[in-house]
Amino acid sequence: LVPSTSLLERFDLDGRFLGSVHMALESVPAGGVDPSDFVLTQSGDLCLLDRAGARVLLFDREGRFLTDWSAGEAGVARPEAPNALALDQEGTVWMLDPAAGLVRSYDRRGASGRSFPFGEGLPPRASAAALLAVLDSWVVVAATDASWIRFFDFRGEFLFQGEFPTWRGVAAGDLESDSEDRLFLARAAAGEIASLRVLVDPERGPGRRP
């Protein structure tokens, strides 16, 4: 997604350019859209995270604006300053809201779902800058300085905490996962990506292998 041109550019898995779609950001009510992250839903629509408006906007595959999933939310239900989205295999969209210290969720119809705190027990302000991914049946939240990485189940129960030991203290820009057992932490300034393999123990939840 290229915010400056409102274009969604598509590439195949080998990096070949397939084409671009104009996102009709100008048709969004209240305007001033500042895209910070997006996920493609199972139906092919695009959920766009608007950092400026703290809202989740839905567009169809042709880039036409459909609806604002955050419309009507108020008080503690309203996102404060979300910065990341992730999609699970059931179609649930997970949102990281570091300012509120919460992971929030929306079902595939856009209804607000479960939310849970992710920073309990961390030092003050340690959760202010964090990244989000979904791997298998876990929601994964990591610090942008790689000092901690936490796993939660979809009910919000804390399962495990680890770290990226060789990257501790560096500035990371994104956290992603594959369809199997790996997490990828991107350090854009250095053009580097670190991978972390997650080992699954049915009795203990996720663990890690250096």
Protein backbone atom coordinates (compact mmCIF):
# COMPACT_ATOMS: atom_id res chain seq x y z
CA LEU A 1 0.00 0.00 0.00
CA VAL A 2 1.42 3.40 -1.04
CA PRO A 3 -0.36 6.05 1.08
CA SER A 4 0.98 9.01 -0.90
CA THR A 5 -0.70 7.78 -4.10
CA SER A 6 -3.62 5.82 -2.55
CA LEU A 7 -2.53 2.81 -4.61
CA LEU A 8 -2.55 -0.82 -3.54
CA GLU A 9 0.16 -2.54 -5.54
CA ARG A 10 -0.02 -6.30 -6.07
CA PHE A 11 2.93 -8.68 -6.49
CA ASP A 12 3.18 -12.45 -6.84
CA LEU A 13 5.26 -14.54 -4.42
CA ASP A 14 8.31 -14.12 -6.66
CA GLY A 15 8.09 -10.33 -6.48
CA ARG A 16 6.68 -9.77 -9.96
CA PHE A 17 4.38 -6.75 -10.23
CA LEU A 18 0.79 -7.73 -11.08
CA GLY A 19 -0.97 -4.37 -11.10
CA SER A 20 -2.38 -1.70 -8.84
CA VAL A 21 -5.78 -0.69 -7.48
CA HIS A 22 -6.74 2.87 -6.59
CA MET A 23 -8.14 3.05 -3.06
CA ALA A 24 -11.00 5.56 -2.92
CA LEU A 25 -9.77 7.25 0.25
CA GLU A 26 -11.43 10.50 -0.81
CA SER A 27 -14.86 8.87 -0.43
CA VAL A 28 -14.36 8.00 3.25
CA PRO A 29 -16.58 10.12 5.57
CA ALA A 30 -14.65 12.64 7.71
CA GLY A 31 -11.66 12.25 5.36
CA GLY A 32 -8.09 12.69 6.52
CA VAL A 33 -7.21 9.01 6.14
CA ASP A 34 -3.69 8.06 7.25
CA PRO A 35 -3.17 4.38 6.31
CA SER A 36 -0.84 2.52 8.65
CA ASP A 37 -1.63 -1.16 8.05
CA PHE A 38 -4.04 -3.43 6.17
CA VAL A 39 -5.16 -7.05 5.82
CA LEU A 40 -7.02 -8.83 3.04
CA THR A 41 -10.14 -10.61 4.27
CA GLN A 42 -11.14 -14.11 3.20
CA SER A 43 -13.62 -12.59 0.73
CA GLY A 44 -10.90 -10.47 -0.87
CA ASP A 45 -11.98 -7.15 0.65
CA LEU A 46 -9.35 -4.92 2.24
CA CYS A 47 -9.44 -3.79 5.87
CA LEU A 48 -7.46 -0.60 6.18
CA LEU A 49 -6.28 0.81 9.49
CA ASP A 50 -6.63 4.60 9.57
CA ARG A 51 -4.15 5.88 12.12
CA ALA A 52 -5.46 9.46 12.02
CA GLY A 53 -9.06 8.51 12.69
CA ALA A 54 -8.32 5.43 14.85
CA ARG A 55 -10.71 3.36 12.76
CA VAL A 56 -10.92 0.27 10.54
CA LEU A 57 -12.16 1.00 7.03
CA LEU A 58 -13.42 -1.67 4.62
CA PHE A 59 -12.89 -1.47 0.85
CA ASP A 60 -13.85 -3.95 -1.86
CA ARG A 61 -11.29 -5.56 -4.18
CA GLU A 62 -11.76 -2.72 -6.67
CA GLY A 63 -10.82 -0.12 -4.07
CA ARG A 64 -14.34 1.20 -3.43
CA PHE A 65 -15.11 2.27 0.14
CA LEU A 66 -17.72 0.04 1.81
CA THR A 67 -18.01 0.87 5.49
CA ASP A 68 -16.31 1.99 8.69
CA TRP A 69 -16.19 -0.85 11.20
CA SER A 70 -15.40 1.57 14.01
CA ALA A 71 -18.43 3.79 13.44
CA GLY A 72 -20.65 4.00 16.49
CA GLU A 73 -17.97 2.89 18.92
CA ALA A 74 -17.49 5.20 21.90
CA GLY A 75 -15.78 5.30 25.28
CA VAL A 76 -13.50 2.39 26.10
CA ALA A 77 -14.78 0.51 23.04
CA ARG A 78 -13.33 3.15 20.73
CA PRO A 79 -9.72 2.53 19.64
CA GLU A 80 -7.30 5.18 20.90
CA ALA A 81 -4.23 4.95 18.65
CA PRO A 82 -4.13 1.56 16.88
CA ASN A 83 -1.06 0.74 14.82
CA ALA A 84 -1.40 -2.81 13.47
CA LEU A 85 -3.84 -5.39 12.10
CA ALA A 86 -3.62 -9.17 11.71
CA LEU A 87 -6.02 -11.78 10.32
CA ASP A 88 -6.58 -15.30 11.70
CA GLN A 89 -7.78 -18.39 9.83
CA GLU A 90 -11.38 -17.88 10.95
CA GLY A 91 -11.53 -14.40 9.41
CA THR A 92 -11.25 -12.47 12.66
CA VAL A 93 -9.35 -9.18 12.32
CA TRP A 94 -7.14 -8.42 15.32
CA MET A 95 -6.07 -4.85 16.10
CA LEU A 96 -3.21 -3.69 18.31
CA ASP A 97 -3.97 -0.52 20.29
CA PRO A 98 -0.81 0.27 22.30
CA ALA A 99 -2.16 3.56 23.67
CA ALA A 100 -4.99 1.64 25.36
CA GLY A 101 -2.76 -1.34 26.17
CA LEU A 102 -5.23 -3.62 24.39
CA VAL A 103 -5.57 -6.12 21.59
CA ARG A 104 -9.01 -5.64 20.03
CA SER A 105 -10.89 -7.75 17.48
CA TYR A 106 -13.64 -7.65 14.85
CA ASP A 107 -15.47 -10.65 13.42
CA ARG A 108 -15.75 -11.19 9.66
CA ARG A 109 -18.93 -9.06 9.58
CA GLY A 110 -17.16 -6.15 11.28
CA ALA A 111 -18.79 -6.53 14.71
CA SER A 112 -16.57 -5.59 17.62
CA GLY A 113 -15.41 -8.68 19.49
CA ARG A 114 -13.14 -9.71 22.31
CA SER A 115 -10.43 -7.38 23.63
CA PHE A 116 -7.72 -8.08 26.19
CA PRO A 117 -4.70 -6.33 27.77
CA PHE A 118 -1.27 -7.38 26.51
CA GLY A 119 1.11 -5.38 28.70
CA GLU A 120 0.37 -6.62 32.22
CA GLY A 121 3.56 -7.18 34.19
CA LEU A 122 5.77 -5.24 31.80
CA PRO A 123 7.82 -2.21 32.98
CA PRO A 124 6.07 1.19 32.69
CA ARG A 125 5.74 2.34 29.10
CA ALA A 126 7.27 -0.91 27.82
CA SER A 127 4.09 -1.61 25.89
CA ALA A 128 3.91 1.83 24.25
CA ALA A 129 5.60 0.63 21.05
CA ALA A 130 4.58 -2.85 19.96
CA LEU A 131 3.91 -5.01 16.90
CA LEU A 132 1.22 -7.60 16.14
CA ALA A 133 0.90 -10.92 14.28
CA VAL A 134 -1.28 -14.03 14.35
CA LEU A 135 0.35 -17.46 14.17
CA ASP A 136 -1.72 -20.64 14.16
CA SER A 137 -4.10 -20.19 17.13
CA TRP A 138 -2.17 -17.45 18.92
CA VAL A 139 -2.11 -13.70 18.95
CA VAL A 140 1.52 -12.55 19.11
CA VAL A 141 2.60 -9.13 20.37
CA ALA A 142 6.24 -8.01 20.32
CA ALA A 143 8.15 -4.93 21.44
CA THR A 144 9.63 -2.82 18.66
CA ASP A 145 13.02 -3.04 20.41
CA ALA A 146 12.77 -6.86 20.43
CA SER A 147 13.07 -6.95 24.24
CA TRP A 148 9.99 -9.16 24.60
CA ILE A 149 7.52 -11.19 22.58
CA ARG A 150 4.26 -12.48 24.07
CA PHE A 151 1.82 -15.20 23.03
CA PHE A 152 -1.91 -15.21 23.85
CA ASP A 153 -4.68 -17.59 22.87
CA PHE A 154 -7.78 -16.22 21.12
CA ARG A 155 -9.53 -15.84 24.48
CA GLY A 156 -6.80 -13.43 25.59
CA GLU A 157 -5.12 -15.82 28.02
CA PHE A 158 -1.39 -15.20 28.39
CA LEU A 159 0.65 -18.28 27.43
CA PHE A 160 4.33 -17.47 27.03
CA GLN A 161 6.91 -14.70 26.90
CA GLY A 162 10.26 -14.81 25.09
CA GLU A 163 12.55 -12.49 23.18
CA PHE A 164 14.65 -12.10 20.04
CA PRO A 165 17.99 -12.37 21.92
CA THR A 166 20.31 -11.29 19.09
CA TRP A 167 18.16 -8.30 18.22
CA ARG A 168 17.45 -6.91 21.65
CA GLY A 169 17.58 -3.10 21.57
CA VAL A 170 17.25 -2.68 17.80
CA ALA A 171 14.37 -0.81 16.18
CA ALA A 172 11.98 -3.17 14.39
CA GLY A 173 9.30 -1.97 12.02
CA ASP A 174 7.04 -4.95 11.39
CA LEU A 175 6.12 -8.42 12.65
CA GLU A 176 4.66 -11.05 10.32
CA SER A 177 4.05 -14.80 10.31
CA ASP A 178 3.90 -17.59 7.76
CA SER A 179 1.26 -20.29 7.50
CA GLU A 180 3.27 -22.77 9.54
CA ASP A 181 5.50 -22.02 12.52
CA ARG A 182 7.68 -18.97 11.88
CA LEU A 183 7.59 -15.33 12.88
CA PHE A 184 9.52 -12.65 10.99
CA LEU A 185 10.72 -9.40 12.54
CA ALA A 186 11.74 -6.70 10.04
CA ARG A 187 14.43 -4.11 10.68
CA ALA A 188 13.80 -1.82 7.73
CA ALA A 189 16.64 0.63 8.35
CA ALA A 190 19.20 -2.17 8.02
CA GLY A 191 17.33 -4.16 5.38
CA GLU A 192 17.28 -7.22 7.65
CA ILE A 193 14.67 -9.78 8.66
CA ALA A 194 15.05 -12.11 11.65
CA SER A 195 13.05 -15.33 11.86
CA LEU A 196 11.87 -17.12 14.97
CA ARG A 197 10.58 -20.68 14.89
CA VAL A 198 7.76 -21.44 17.30
CA LEU A 199 7.61 -24.97 18.69
CA VAL A 200 4.20 -26.17 19.80
CA ASP A 201 3.67 -28.24 22.94
CA PRO A 202 -0.02 -29.13 23.46
CA GLU A 203 0.56 -29.29 27.22
CA ARG A 204 2.31 -25.91 27.58
CA GLY A 205 1.34 -23.75 24.62
CA PRO A 206 3.94 -22.19 22.34
CA GLY A 207 7.66 -22.23 23.00
CA ARG A 208 10.65 -21.05 21.02
CA ARG A 209 13.85 -22.51 19.63
CA PRO A 210 16.75 -20.11 18.99
